[in-house]
Amino acid sequence: MKTQASSVIEELPEKMYFSRQETATLLRIGLSTLDSKIGPELLPRVRMRKRVYFLRSDIEKFILANRCTGEKHGN
């Protein structure tokens, strides 16, 4: 089953990188959450001049790494 964010990414195949605002929208989180809770070690950033962007491939990896499958962890 595709997530909403991954389907949005698929609808924009020509787009290689996304702004902070676009990334927050794709992940359905606020900019403050993107900046404070999702650090560069979890979702790498690309700086171009004074702007920050996120690569499509890094966003996809982040989504897949943080998805819940409904399985219980532990035992």
Protein backbone atom coordinates (compact mmCIF):
# COMPACT_ATOMS: atom_id res chain seq x y z
CA MET A 1 0.00 0.00 0.00
CA LYS A 2 1.43 3.38 -0.99
CA THR A 3 1.60 6.20 1.48
CA GLN A 4 0.13 9.57 0.59
CA ALA A 5 3.59 11.18 0.57
CA SER A 6 5.14 8.58 -1.73
CA SER A 7 2.27 8.91 -4.19
CA VAL A 8 2.83 12.68 -4.30
CA ILE A 9 6.51 12.07 -4.99
CA GLU A 10 5.59 9.71 -7.82
CA GLU A 11 3.33 12.37 -9.36
CA LEU A 12 6.35 14.65 -9.74
CA PRO A 13 8.90 12.36 -11.44
CA GLU A 14 10.94 15.22 -12.93
CA LYS A 15 11.53 16.87 -9.57
CA MET A 16 14.87 15.81 -8.06
CA TYR A 17 14.82 17.93 -4.92
CA PHE A 18 12.25 19.59 -2.68
CA SER A 19 12.31 22.74 -0.56
CA ARG A 20 11.79 22.64 3.20
CA GLN A 21 8.15 23.68 2.79
CA GLU A 22 7.52 21.04 0.10
CA THR A 23 9.20 18.36 2.20
CA ALA A 24 7.18 19.27 5.29
CA THR A 25 4.00 19.15 3.19
CA LEU A 26 4.93 15.75 1.74
CA LEU A 27 5.58 14.36 5.21
CA ARG A 28 2.50 16.11 6.63
CA ILE A 29 4.47 17.78 9.40
CA GLY A 30 5.26 21.37 10.28
CA LEU A 31 8.48 23.16 9.44
CA SER A 32 9.46 23.28 13.11
CA THR A 33 9.12 19.48 13.35
CA LEU A 34 11.16 19.05 10.19
CA ASP A 35 13.88 21.30 11.58
CA SER A 36 13.97 20.17 15.21
CA LYS A 37 12.93 16.52 15.32
CA ILE A 38 14.20 15.29 11.98
CA GLY A 39 17.88 16.11 12.04
CA PRO A 40 20.37 15.83 9.20
CA GLU A 41 21.38 12.35 10.39
CA LEU A 42 17.83 11.10 9.69
CA LEU A 43 17.05 13.16 6.62
CA PRO A 44 20.13 14.68 4.94
CA ARG A 45 19.91 18.21 3.59
CA VAL A 46 21.48 19.93 0.59
CA ARG A 47 22.48 23.57 0.85
CA MET A 48 22.38 25.72 -2.27
CA ARG A 49 23.44 29.23 -1.40
CA LYS A 50 21.21 30.17 1.56
CA ARG A 51 18.46 27.67 0.78
CA VAL A 52 17.98 24.12 2.08
CA TYR A 53 16.65 21.30 -0.07
CA PHE A 54 16.01 17.59 0.33
CA LEU A 55 16.78 15.02 -2.36
CA ARG A 56 13.92 12.87 -3.60
CA SER A 57 15.87 9.70 -2.83
CA ASP A 58 16.53 10.80 0.77
CA ILE A 59 12.84 11.60 1.34
CA GLU A 60 11.83 8.20 -0.05
CA LYS A 61 14.39 6.43 2.18
CA PHE A 62 13.14 8.38 5.21
CA ILE A 63 9.52 7.41 4.51
CA LEU A 64 10.38 3.73 4.09
CA ALA A 65 12.61 3.68 7.18
CA ASN A 66 9.87 5.19 9.35
CA ARG A 67 6.81 3.34 8.16
CA CYS A 68 4.80 1.21 10.54
CA THR A 69 3.78 -2.22 9.36
CA GLY A 70 1.59 -3.00 12.35
CA GLU A 71 4.00 -5.62 13.67
CA LYS A 72 4.90 -5.55 17.34
CA HIS A 73 8.55 -5.18 18.22
CA GLY A 74 10.18 -7.06 21.03
CA ASN A 75 9.55 -10.76 21.66
